[in-house]
Structure formats: structure tokens, C-alpha cells
């Protein structure tokens, strides 16, 4: 649990400042679960430059509660939380100073979003809160007021959590929980999991990720691990300490994140998924008489594939369908063995490429038409999908055949081209597995919305 805060002060000499406004949002890594926002009477004058910056003046604070009157609420909302702030050293120092004046030792773990953004967003020219949120397309209201700055920090921190592929933030959090001696039971873990689409991360007591998975129902899938009798399930049951998750709304984004984060984190129980899960692929071959043929074979990384499949049955079913759709020849595509014409020719569904009746040029044009439709090499497109809630949509960007990343956007914010999307994009790596996942998803989901550009 995180307590994300921002403090406005009077300004003045070091360690003599007073708090004029405080905002704290209690954040569970996915949503705000509690909040506290209040003006505070510092009992000392505000510096003129601070009045100009924040708009908070001495008259506004005369009837505001003094710090000792809100101190208990601050302790309650930050209890068992990591304190998160943009320039956390400043906010933490101010808070500790105020509590010290009351004779109380306020002590907690902190995370600084300035330092995190420098590590996770090194390409940004500035890591100030204002410039950072503008560059990332994060909406911001009431700049230099505690509630506005704290809410912007919540949104920034949520984005940083998504970009933290190695899960160092979560790992540090779990280590703190271990230090407290908390050992949640399996049912306690399940109780905290959603029934929504996303990626989940199973951690051991050292905070290390031992398994990463995706599901359209995270709670149901994790429960299967907890009740399974396979060796992997039993090991998960013995070693699990905590399960962290990230909702994606979109099944495609969940598949893409799962693939990439398994490669980055190399969980010990994901050995099988580190290998190629697309066992069969479709390749283009030239026959001796000039006809192009499509051949389903075991995946060979040295050869250029058109598309790939998780099983032989899936591949054959697809090849039969496209052979019929594009009026291709079953014999040339290896689906029908015969020394004569194919069976489809006898029932007038093949125009005779198998016995040289139709010219190679006419036949090969249909093959090339299929290839251009089912590969996205050199293609640019945005794949629109579900968001994490009813007011949100997701977008996956492919540019010139290369997967660039994904983003979530408000329904009122229309994505019509790549330049708009790039402002809010979470960049991701592209590789052959990623391309196969996108191809497979498009192939299996005919009704999805795709914007080509």
C-alpha cells in the first residue's frame, strides 16, 4: 500500500517552514482507496512568493485546523504504507519536522517519483512534475496546490509501475512486508485479486517473481494454481508469499506484457514459456512449375514465416480456411495427396493449378493477396481494444511492422493517428514472439477495430 502525498509550505528558513496544505491519497497499486486533503494553519506568515505561486494566503488559513489537529488522521492514513512523493526528501522532511515539534517520531519508508522517473524514463528532458506530466499526456488540475499535485503524482506513479518491467518497485514493497513478518494464507491472497483481465505476478518470500501469467479472470486462474496437483502448482502453493497483478482490460495487452515480462524477469517456473510457444509456422515455397505453395511446417527460426500457430491442428484449420477463401489449391498447399488433380478440382472449387490449367501468374496473385492481408510487415496500424474500465479504451501501436507499445486513453480522447498515441504510449520491445502474438490475436478476433495509417 502506498500513501502518495504533496505538501505546500510557508517557505522560509530551512526546518522553519510550516505546512499550509496537505493532500494524501492512499493507493493500493491500482486505485485510490482513501484520501485526506486539508488546509493547515501554520501559525506563521506565508512568504509572498509562495502566495503568488500557490494562491494560498494568510486569510485563507485563519480558520483552518492546526497541524496537531490533523496529525492523528495523517498517522492513520499512512500506517503500513510506503510514502510516495515527487521529491520525497522534501515532503518527508517537512512532515517529520512537524511531528517532531509534537514530540512524535514519524518514521516510514519512502519512494521518490523524481528518482523513479529518472530510472524508468531516462529519455525525458526534465523530471519536474509539471513538465513530466505534460510530456506524458497526464491531465493535471490545480498546479501548485496539494490535491492537484498529489493526484498528478498518483497518475505518474501508476504509469511508472506499468513501465517497471523488472518489478523493482513491487519487490522492494514486498521485502518491507516480509520484514513485518506477514505471511498471508492462500485464501487471503485470493480475496485481494480481481476477476478481471490482466497479468499476475507470483512472488516468493524474498520478493522474487517465481511465475508470471495472464488471464481473462485473474482470481480464477490463480485459484487454479492454488488448487492444482501438478508439480508447478504444488511448488507455487509452497513458495507463494504474495500475488501482485496489473489489470489490462485488453487480452492482447495482457498477452504482450506476459511475453515481454517473462523475458525480462525470467521467473523460475516459466521455463516452458521462455521457449517458443508457436510450434508450427506457415512458409512460402516455390514449386518446380512456377506455382507458389503454402506449407505448414515445424517452426524454423532461420526461415521467414508468414504466420505461426501454437498447434498443428490450429495451423491445418487455418490453412484449410484460407485455401478455400482465396481459391487456392489443397494439393499445392500440402493438404491433399494425389498424383493427379486435387479433390477440390473435381467439385469445381479449384481452378486447376494442380494440373497446370490456370497460369502461375493468376494463381500466384491470389497467394500474394493472402500474404499481404495476413502479415503486417511494413504495415502501420493501431489496434483498439477494451480499457480497464467502461470509460477507457486501449490502443496497441504497430509502425512499419514493428510493435511500439500500448496506451490507455479516455473515451472522450479520440485516437486517430500515431502522433496523438505516441504522447501517451508505454514503449515496449518488439521481437518475433511479439509479432506472432499480434498476428494470432488479429486472426482469431475478426471483429476488432484496427486503424490503418
Protein backbone atom coordinates (compact mmCIF):
# COMPACT_ATOMS: atom_id res chain seq x y z
CA UNK A 1 0.00 0.00 0.00
CA UNK A 2 1.25 3.47 -0.86
CA UNK A 3 0.49 6.89 0.65
CA UNK A 4 1.02 9.41 -2.17
CA UNK A 5 1.24 12.92 -0.85
CA UNK A 6 2.05 16.52 -1.60
CA UNK A 7 2.67 19.32 0.88
CA UNK A 8 2.56 23.09 0.39
CA UNK A 9 4.53 25.18 2.88
CA UNK A 10 5.01 28.76 4.01
CA UNK A 11 8.56 28.93 2.64
CA UNK A 12 11.29 30.48 4.77
CA UNK A 13 14.40 29.25 6.56
CA UNK A 14 15.35 25.54 6.40
CA UNK A 15 13.44 23.50 9.02
CA UNK A 16 11.43 26.59 10.00
CA UNK A 17 8.78 26.15 7.30
CA UNK A 18 5.21 25.40 8.24
CA UNK A 19 2.63 23.31 6.36
CA UNK A 20 -0.17 25.28 4.68
CA UNK A 21 -1.87 22.43 2.81
CA UNK A 22 -1.55 18.64 2.68
CA UNK A 23 -3.08 16.02 0.39
CA UNK A 24 -2.64 12.26 0.81
CA UNK A 25 -4.08 9.57 -1.46
CA UNK A 26 -3.89 6.01 -0.20
CA UNK A 27 -3.14 3.90 -3.28
CA UNK A 28 -3.11 0.09 -3.50
CA UNK A 29 -1.16 -0.01 -6.76
CA UNK A 30 -4.34 0.05 -8.86
CA UNK A 31 -6.77 2.55 -7.37
CA UNK A 32 -7.20 5.14 -4.62
CA UNK A 33 -8.78 3.54 -1.54
CA UNK A 34 -8.72 6.52 0.87
CA UNK A 35 -7.81 10.20 0.84
CA UNK A 36 -7.16 13.15 3.13
CA UNK A 37 -6.98 16.77 1.90
CA UNK A 38 -6.85 19.80 4.18
CA UNK A 39 -5.55 23.33 4.52
CA UNK A 40 -3.41 23.71 7.64
CA UNK A 41 -2.90 26.80 9.81
CA UNK A 42 0.90 27.07 10.13
CA UNK A 43 0.69 29.79 12.78
CA UNK A 44 3.44 31.72 10.93
CA UNK A 45 3.18 34.07 7.92
CA UNK A 46 3.43 32.78 4.35
CA UNK A 47 6.25 34.14 2.21
CA UNK A 48 4.95 36.47 -0.56
CA UNK A 49 6.46 34.41 -3.39
CA UNK A 50 4.62 31.32 -2.06
CA UNK A 51 1.31 33.20 -2.02
CA UNK A 52 1.89 34.13 -5.67
CA UNK A 53 2.84 30.54 -6.58
CA UNK A 54 0.07 28.63 -4.76
CA UNK A 55 -2.70 31.20 -4.34
CA UNK A 56 -2.89 30.27 -0.64
CA UNK A 57 -2.82 33.38 1.59
CA UNK A 58 -2.81 34.03 5.34
CA UNK A 59 -6.52 34.93 5.41
CA UNK A 60 -7.48 31.54 3.94
CA UNK A 61 -5.69 29.73 6.77
CA UNK A 62 -7.02 31.58 9.84
CA UNK A 63 -9.90 29.14 10.32
CA UNK A 64 -8.00 26.05 9.06
CA UNK A 65 -7.06 23.30 11.56
CA UNK A 66 -3.61 23.45 13.11
CA UNK A 67 -1.20 20.58 12.46
CA UNK A 68 -1.78 18.88 15.83
CA UNK A 69 -5.50 18.67 14.94
CA UNK A 70 -4.84 16.67 11.73
CA UNK A 71 -1.79 14.71 12.95
CA UNK A 72 -3.80 11.65 14.04
CA UNK A 73 -5.53 11.40 10.66
CA UNK A 74 -2.17 11.62 8.87
CA UNK A 75 -0.79 8.76 11.00
CA UNK A 76 -3.90 6.64 10.31
CA UNK A 77 -3.87 7.07 6.53
CA UNK A 78 -0.09 6.49 6.20
CA UNK A 79 0.08 3.50 8.57
CA UNK A 80 1.71 0.44 6.95
CA UNK A 81 2.27 2.42 3.73
CA UNK A 82 5.27 3.45 1.69
CA UNK A 83 5.29 7.24 1.41
CA UNK A 84 5.45 8.34 -2.25
CA UNK A 85 6.08 11.93 -3.34
CA UNK A 86 7.67 13.92 -6.14
CA UNK A 87 10.90 14.98 -4.39
CA UNK A 88 10.09 12.77 -1.41
CA UNK A 89 13.04 14.02 0.67
CA UNK A 90 11.41 17.45 0.95
CA UNK A 91 7.88 16.29 1.86
CA UNK A 92 9.18 13.65 4.28
CA UNK A 93 11.49 16.17 5.99
CA UNK A 94 8.65 18.67 6.41
CA UNK A 95 6.32 16.01 7.81
CA UNK A 96 8.92 14.66 10.24
CA UNK A 97 9.73 18.20 11.41
CA UNK A 98 6.06 18.93 12.21
CA UNK A 99 5.69 15.65 14.12
CA UNK A 100 8.97 16.28 15.98
CA UNK A 101 7.52 19.57 17.21
CA UNK A 102 4.72 17.48 18.74
CA UNK A 103 7.24 15.11 20.35
CA UNK A 104 6.38 12.24 17.97
CA UNK A 105 8.91 10.30 15.88
CA UNK A 106 7.28 9.87 12.46
CA UNK A 107 9.25 7.21 10.60
CA UNK A 108 8.35 5.32 7.41
CA UNK A 109 9.74 4.05 4.10
CA UNK A 110 9.72 6.46 1.16
CA UNK A 111 9.76 6.33 -2.65
CA UNK A 112 10.62 9.36 -4.77
CA UNK A 113 8.93 9.66 -8.18
CA UNK A 114 11.71 12.02 -9.33
CA UNK A 115 14.30 9.26 -8.83
CA UNK A 116 11.96 6.59 -10.24
CA UNK A 117 11.24 8.67 -13.34
CA UNK A 118 14.96 9.24 -13.93
CA UNK A 119 15.47 5.47 -13.85
CA UNK A 120 12.36 4.42 -15.82
CA UNK A 121 12.00 7.46 -18.12
CA UNK A 122 15.61 8.42 -18.90
CA UNK A 123 14.62 9.86 -22.28
CA UNK A 124 12.70 12.76 -20.68
CA UNK A 125 14.45 16.15 -20.82
CA UNK A 126 13.02 17.27 -17.47
CA UNK A 127 11.82 15.34 -14.43
CA UNK A 128 9.96 18.20 -12.78
CA UNK A 129 6.35 17.25 -12.09
CA UNK A 130 4.82 19.89 -14.38
CA UNK A 131 6.99 19.15 -17.43
CA UNK A 132 6.86 15.38 -16.87
CA UNK A 133 3.06 15.12 -16.78
CA UNK A 134 2.76 17.36 -19.85
CA UNK A 135 5.22 15.19 -21.78
CA UNK A 136 3.37 12.01 -20.76
CA UNK A 137 -0.13 13.34 -21.52
CA UNK A 138 -1.21 13.13 -17.86
CA UNK A 139 -4.08 15.58 -17.18
CA UNK A 140 -3.37 17.99 -14.33
CA UNK A 141 -5.54 20.46 -12.44
CA UNK A 142 -4.71 22.90 -9.61
CA UNK A 143 -0.95 23.04 -10.20
CA UNK A 144 0.97 24.02 -7.03
CA UNK A 145 -1.97 23.05 -4.86
CA UNK A 146 -1.54 19.93 -2.74
CA UNK A 147 -4.53 18.00 -4.11
CA UNK A 148 -3.69 18.72 -7.77
CA UNK A 149 0.00 17.89 -7.43
CA UNK A 150 -0.71 14.75 -5.35
CA UNK A 151 -3.28 13.48 -7.89
CA UNK A 152 -0.82 14.08 -10.74
CA UNK A 153 1.78 12.12 -8.73
CA UNK A 154 -0.72 9.25 -8.34
CA UNK A 155 -1.18 9.09 -12.13
CA UNK A 156 2.57 9.39 -12.74
CA UNK A 157 3.31 6.65 -10.18
CA UNK A 158 0.72 4.36 -11.77
CA UNK A 159 2.44 4.83 -15.13
CA UNK A 160 5.85 4.19 -13.55
CA UNK A 161 4.53 0.94 -12.06
CA UNK A 162 3.46 -0.13 -15.56
CA UNK A 163 6.87 0.76 -17.01
CA UNK A 164 8.74 -1.05 -14.22
CA UNK A 165 9.15 -4.31 -16.17
CA UNK A 166 11.65 -5.74 -13.67
CA UNK A 167 9.16 -5.03 -10.85
CA UNK A 168 11.82 -3.48 -8.61
CA UNK A 169 9.23 -1.17 -7.01
CA UNK A 170 6.92 -4.05 -6.10
CA UNK A 171 9.85 -6.21 -4.99
CA UNK A 172 11.01 -3.53 -2.54
CA UNK A 173 7.44 -3.24 -1.24
CA UNK A 174 7.19 -6.99 -0.64
CA UNK A 175 10.54 -7.01 1.19
CA UNK A 176 9.10 -4.45 3.59
CA UNK A 177 6.07 -6.71 4.16
CA UNK A 178 8.39 -9.64 4.86
CA UNK A 179 10.26 -7.58 7.44
CA UNK A 180 6.96 -7.14 9.26
CA UNK A 181 6.58 -10.92 9.43
CA UNK A 182 3.31 -11.01 7.49
CA UNK A 183 2.61 -14.44 5.95
CA UNK A 184 -0.76 -14.31 4.17
CA UNK A 185 -2.60 -17.57 3.57
CA UNK A 186 -3.72 -18.58 0.11
CA UNK A 187 -7.32 -17.56 0.75
CA UNK A 188 -6.19 -14.14 1.97
CA UNK A 189 -4.26 -13.67 -1.27
CA UNK A 190 -7.23 -14.74 -3.42
CA UNK A 191 -9.53 -12.35 -1.60
CA UNK A 192 -7.49 -9.39 -2.89
CA UNK A 193 -7.43 -10.48 -6.55
CA UNK A 194 -9.83 -9.16 -9.22
CA UNK A 195 -11.95 -11.24 -11.61
CA UNK A 196 -10.72 -9.10 -14.50
CA UNK A 197 -8.31 -9.43 -17.43
CA UNK A 198 -4.64 -8.78 -16.79
CA UNK A 199 -1.20 -10.08 -15.87
CA UNK A 200 -0.35 -11.53 -12.46
CA UNK A 201 3.00 -11.96 -10.72
CA UNK A 202 3.55 -14.64 -8.07
CA UNK A 203 6.31 -13.71 -5.58
CA UNK A 204 8.17 -15.77 -3.03
CA UNK A 205 9.13 -14.52 0.43
CA UNK A 206 12.30 -12.86 -0.88
CA UNK A 207 10.18 -10.71 -3.16
CA UNK A 208 11.42 -12.54 -6.27
CA UNK A 209 8.93 -13.28 -9.04
CA UNK A 210 8.66 -17.06 -9.48
CA UNK A 211 5.81 -17.11 -12.03
CA UNK A 212 4.11 -14.68 -14.42
CA UNK A 213 0.80 -15.44 -16.11
CA UNK A 214 -2.14 -13.76 -17.87
CA UNK A 215 -5.82 -14.46 -17.67
CA UNK A 216 -9.24 -13.06 -18.53
CA UNK A 217 -10.11 -13.80 -14.88
CA UNK A 218 -7.05 -13.33 -12.66
CA UNK A 219 -8.67 -14.64 -9.48
CA UNK A 220 -9.96 -17.80 -11.17
CA UNK A 221 -6.58 -18.56 -12.77
CA UNK A 222 -4.59 -18.04 -9.56
CA UNK A 223 -7.10 -20.22 -7.70
CA UNK A 224 -6.33 -22.97 -10.23
CA UNK A 225 -2.65 -22.68 -9.30
CA UNK A 226 -3.56 -22.83 -5.60
CA UNK A 227 -5.72 -25.95 -6.00
CA UNK A 228 -3.77 -27.73 -8.77
CA UNK A 229 -1.93 -31.02 -8.34
CA UNK A 230 0.82 -30.56 -10.95
CA UNK A 231 4.41 -30.15 -9.80
CA UNK A 232 4.34 -26.49 -10.80
CA UNK A 233 1.11 -25.85 -8.86
CA UNK A 234 2.47 -27.58 -5.76
CA UNK A 235 5.64 -25.52 -5.91
CA UNK A 236 3.61 -22.31 -6.25
CA UNK A 237 1.50 -23.34 -3.22
CA UNK A 238 4.64 -23.96 -1.16
CA UNK A 239 6.57 -20.86 -2.15
CA UNK A 240 3.95 -18.14 -2.77
CA UNK A 241 4.11 -15.18 -0.44
CA UNK A 242 2.20 -12.56 -2.41
CA UNK A 243 0.48 -12.11 -5.77
CA UNK A 244 0.71 -8.76 -7.50
CA UNK A 245 -1.36 -8.01 -10.59
CA UNK A 246 -1.89 -5.44 -13.30
CA UNK A 247 -5.28 -5.05 -14.96
CA UNK A 248 -5.12 -4.51 -18.71
CA UNK A 249 -8.76 -4.79 -19.84
CA UNK A 250 -7.39 -5.87 -23.22
CA UNK A 251 -6.48 -9.53 -23.65
CA UNK A 252 -3.96 -8.55 -26.35
CA UNK A 253 -2.06 -6.22 -23.99
CA UNK A 254 -2.09 -8.95 -21.33
CA UNK A 255 -0.56 -11.40 -23.82
CA UNK A 256 2.08 -8.88 -24.91
CA UNK A 257 3.02 -7.89 -21.34
CA UNK A 258 3.18 -11.52 -20.23
CA UNK A 259 5.56 -12.40 -23.05
CA UNK A 260 7.86 -9.44 -22.51
CA UNK A 261 7.98 -9.59 -18.74
CA UNK A 262 8.77 -13.32 -18.73
CA UNK A 263 11.78 -12.47 -20.91
CA UNK A 264 12.82 -9.60 -18.62
CA UNK A 265 12.28 -11.28 -15.23
CA UNK A 266 12.98 -14.93 -16.23
CA UNK A 267 10.77 -16.47 -13.47
CA UNK A 268 11.96 -19.92 -12.47
CA UNK A 269 8.54 -21.54 -13.06
CA UNK A 270 8.07 -20.01 -16.53
CA UNK A 271 10.73 -22.14 -18.18
CA UNK A 272 8.32 -23.56 -20.77
CA UNK A 273 7.07 -20.12 -21.80
CA UNK A 274 10.60 -18.82 -22.29
CA UNK A 275 10.75 -21.20 -25.22
CA UNK A 276 8.81 -20.71 -28.45
CA UNK A 277 5.09 -21.32 -27.84
CA UNK A 278 4.38 -21.15 -31.59
CA UNK A 279 5.45 -24.64 -32.65
CA UNK A 280 4.24 -24.57 -36.28
CA UNK A 281 4.53 -21.88 -38.93
CA UNK A 282 3.34 -21.22 -42.46
CA UNK A 283 6.06 -20.77 -45.09
CA UNK A 284 6.01 -19.75 -48.75
CA UNK A 285 7.68 -22.10 -51.22
CA UNK A 286 8.17 -22.15 -54.99
CA UNK A 287 7.15 -25.33 -56.76
CA UNK A 288 9.13 -26.60 -59.75
CA UNK A 289 6.47 -25.48 -62.25
CA UNK A 290 6.31 -21.87 -61.02
CA UNK A 291 3.34 -22.04 -58.62
CA UNK A 292 3.66 -20.63 -55.11
CA UNK A 293 2.65 -23.03 -52.34
CA UNK A 294 1.94 -22.55 -48.66
CA UNK A 295 3.49 -25.20 -46.41
CA UNK A 296 2.77 -25.84 -42.73
CA UNK A 297 5.99 -26.94 -41.01
CA UNK A 298 7.73 -27.02 -37.65
CA UNK A 299 8.91 -23.51 -36.78
CA UNK A 300 12.39 -22.77 -38.13
CA UNK A 301 13.92 -19.51 -36.92
CA UNK A 302 16.20 -19.37 -39.95
CA UNK A 303 13.28 -19.09 -42.36
CA UNK A 304 10.88 -16.20 -42.90
CA UNK A 305 7.39 -17.20 -41.83
CA UNK A 306 4.03 -15.77 -42.88
CA UNK A 307 2.27 -16.56 -39.61
CA UNK A 308 2.58 -19.16 -36.85
CA UNK A 309 0.48 -21.42 -34.64
CA UNK A 310 0.51 -22.99 -31.19
CA UNK A 311 -0.51 -26.42 -32.55
CA UNK A 312 -0.60 -28.47 -35.76
CA UNK A 313 -4.40 -28.64 -35.59
CA UNK A 314 -4.70 -24.84 -35.37
CA UNK A 315 -2.36 -24.47 -38.35
CA UNK A 316 -4.20 -27.01 -40.50
CA UNK A 317 -7.58 -25.46 -39.73
CA UNK A 318 -6.28 -22.04 -40.75
CA UNK A 319 -4.66 -23.36 -43.93
CA UNK A 320 -7.88 -25.13 -44.98
CA UNK A 321 -9.86 -21.93 -44.41
CA UNK A 322 -7.59 -19.61 -46.36
CA UNK A 323 -7.20 -22.18 -49.16
CA UNK A 324 -10.96 -22.06 -49.59
CA UNK A 325 -11.25 -18.29 -49.09
CA UNK A 326 -8.57 -17.36 -51.65
CA UNK A 327 -9.46 -20.19 -54.08
CA UNK A 328 -6.08 -21.86 -53.68
CA UNK A 329 -5.18 -25.50 -54.32
CA UNK A 330 -5.23 -28.05 -51.50
CA UNK A 331 -2.67 -30.21 -53.30
CA UNK A 332 -0.17 -27.37 -53.72
CA UNK A 333 -0.64 -26.42 -50.07
CA UNK A 334 0.06 -29.97 -48.86
CA UNK A 335 -3.48 -30.64 -47.66
CA UNK A 336 -4.34 -33.29 -50.25
CA UNK A 337 -2.03 -36.01 -51.56
CA UNK A 338 -2.59 -37.15 -55.14
CA UNK A 339 -0.60 -37.78 -58.31
CA UNK A 340 -3.49 -36.30 -60.28
CA UNK A 341 -5.74 -33.30 -59.72
CA UNK A 342 -6.94 -32.46 -56.21
CA UNK A 343 -10.42 -33.40 -54.98
CA UNK A 344 -11.45 -29.71 -54.92
CA UNK A 345 -10.93 -29.52 -58.70
CA UNK A 346 -13.49 -32.30 -59.20
CA UNK A 347 -16.12 -30.36 -57.27
CA UNK A 348 -15.27 -27.08 -59.08
CA UNK A 349 -13.64 -25.40 -56.05
CA UNK A 350 -10.14 -25.37 -57.56
CA UNK A 351 -9.42 -23.92 -61.00
CA UNK A 352 -6.68 -26.42 -61.81
CA UNK A 353 -3.34 -25.11 -60.57
CA UNK A 354 -2.61 -28.69 -59.52
CA UNK A 355 -2.73 -29.80 -63.18
CA UNK A 356 -1.40 -26.57 -64.79
CA UNK A 357 -4.74 -25.36 -66.17
CA UNK A 358 -4.67 -21.88 -64.56
CA UNK A 359 -1.46 -19.89 -65.19
CA UNK A 360 1.08 -19.46 -62.37
CA UNK A 361 0.74 -15.66 -62.69
CA UNK A 362 -3.02 -15.69 -62.00
CA UNK A 363 -2.72 -18.26 -59.20
CA UNK A 364 0.30 -16.60 -57.53
CA UNK A 365 -1.51 -13.26 -57.44
CA UNK A 366 -4.13 -14.85 -55.15
CA UNK A 367 -1.36 -16.26 -52.93
CA UNK A 368 0.31 -12.84 -52.68
CA UNK A 369 -3.07 -11.28 -51.90
CA UNK A 370 -3.40 -13.65 -48.93
CA UNK A 371 0.15 -12.87 -47.73
CA UNK A 372 -0.39 -9.10 -47.85
CA UNK A 373 -3.59 -9.47 -45.80
CA UNK A 374 -2.15 -11.75 -43.11
CA UNK A 375 1.26 -10.21 -42.44
CA UNK A 376 1.92 -6.75 -41.07
CA UNK A 377 5.44 -6.42 -42.36
CA UNK A 378 5.93 -2.72 -43.26
CA UNK A 379 2.32 -2.04 -42.17
CA UNK A 380 1.31 0.63 -39.67
CA UNK A 381 -1.81 0.26 -37.55
CA UNK A 382 -3.46 0.97 -34.22
CA UNK A 383 -5.40 -1.92 -32.66
CA UNK A 384 -8.21 -0.58 -30.47
CA UNK A 385 -9.47 -2.71 -27.57
CA UNK A 386 -11.08 -2.68 -24.15
CA UNK A 387 -9.75 -0.48 -21.37
CA UNK A 388 -9.52 -1.22 -17.66
CA UNK A 389 -12.95 0.32 -17.05
CA UNK A 390 -16.04 1.34 -19.03
CA UNK A 391 -14.74 4.88 -19.58
CA UNK A 392 -11.45 3.76 -21.10
CA UNK A 393 -10.09 2.17 -24.27
CA UNK A 394 -6.73 0.61 -25.07
CA UNK A 395 -4.54 1.04 -28.12
CA UNK A 396 -1.64 -1.07 -29.44
CA UNK A 397 0.67 0.64 -31.93
CA UNK A 398 2.45 -1.16 -34.79
CA UNK A 399 4.56 1.10 -37.01
CA UNK A 400 6.20 -0.17 -40.21
CA UNK A 401 5.68 -3.73 -38.98
CA UNK A 402 7.32 -3.06 -35.59
CA UNK A 403 5.41 -3.21 -32.30
CA UNK A 404 5.96 0.11 -30.48
CA UNK A 405 3.90 -0.28 -27.31
CA UNK A 406 0.44 0.34 -25.87
CA UNK A 407 -1.59 3.01 -24.12
CA UNK A 408 -4.87 3.53 -22.31
CA UNK A 409 -6.98 6.58 -23.09
CA UNK A 410 -10.26 8.17 -22.03
CA UNK A 411 -13.27 7.63 -24.29
CA UNK A 412 -13.51 11.40 -24.76
CA UNK A 413 -9.92 11.47 -26.11
CA UNK A 414 -10.08 10.26 -29.69
CA UNK A 415 -7.07 8.36 -31.06
CA UNK A 416 -6.97 8.91 -34.82
CA UNK A 417 -3.25 8.76 -35.66
CA UNK A 418 0.09 7.59 -34.34
CA UNK A 419 1.33 11.06 -33.35
CA UNK A 420 -1.50 11.51 -30.85
CA UNK A 421 -0.94 8.00 -29.47
CA UNK A 422 2.82 8.45 -29.06
CA UNK A 423 2.28 11.16 -26.43
CA UNK A 424 0.79 8.62 -24.00
CA UNK A 425 2.46 5.43 -25.26
CA UNK A 426 4.11 2.94 -22.90
CA UNK A 427 7.05 1.78 -25.09
CA UNK A 428 7.68 -1.97 -25.36
CA UNK A 429 10.19 -4.19 -27.15
CA UNK A 430 9.40 -5.85 -30.45
CA UNK A 431 10.55 -9.34 -31.34
CA UNK A 432 9.39 -12.35 -33.31
CA UNK A 433 7.28 -13.74 -30.44
CA UNK A 434 5.50 -10.38 -30.07
CA UNK A 435 4.73 -10.25 -33.80
CA UNK A 436 3.34 -13.80 -33.64
CA UNK A 437 1.11 -12.88 -30.70
CA UNK A 438 -0.32 -9.87 -32.55
CA UNK A 439 -0.84 -11.89 -35.75
CA UNK A 440 -2.53 -14.70 -33.86
CA UNK A 441 -4.79 -12.28 -31.96
CA UNK A 442 -5.91 -10.49 -35.15
CA UNK A 443 -6.51 -13.83 -36.86
CA UNK A 444 -8.70 -15.14 -34.04
CA UNK A 445 -10.63 -11.92 -33.33
CA UNK A 446 -12.33 -10.87 -36.55
CA UNK A 447 -14.40 -8.05 -35.03
CA UNK A 448 -11.60 -5.96 -33.54
CA UNK A 449 -11.21 -2.31 -34.54
CA UNK A 450 -7.99 -1.53 -36.44
CA UNK A 451 -6.95 1.91 -37.68
CA UNK A 452 -4.50 1.68 -40.59
CA UNK A 453 -2.26 4.62 -41.37
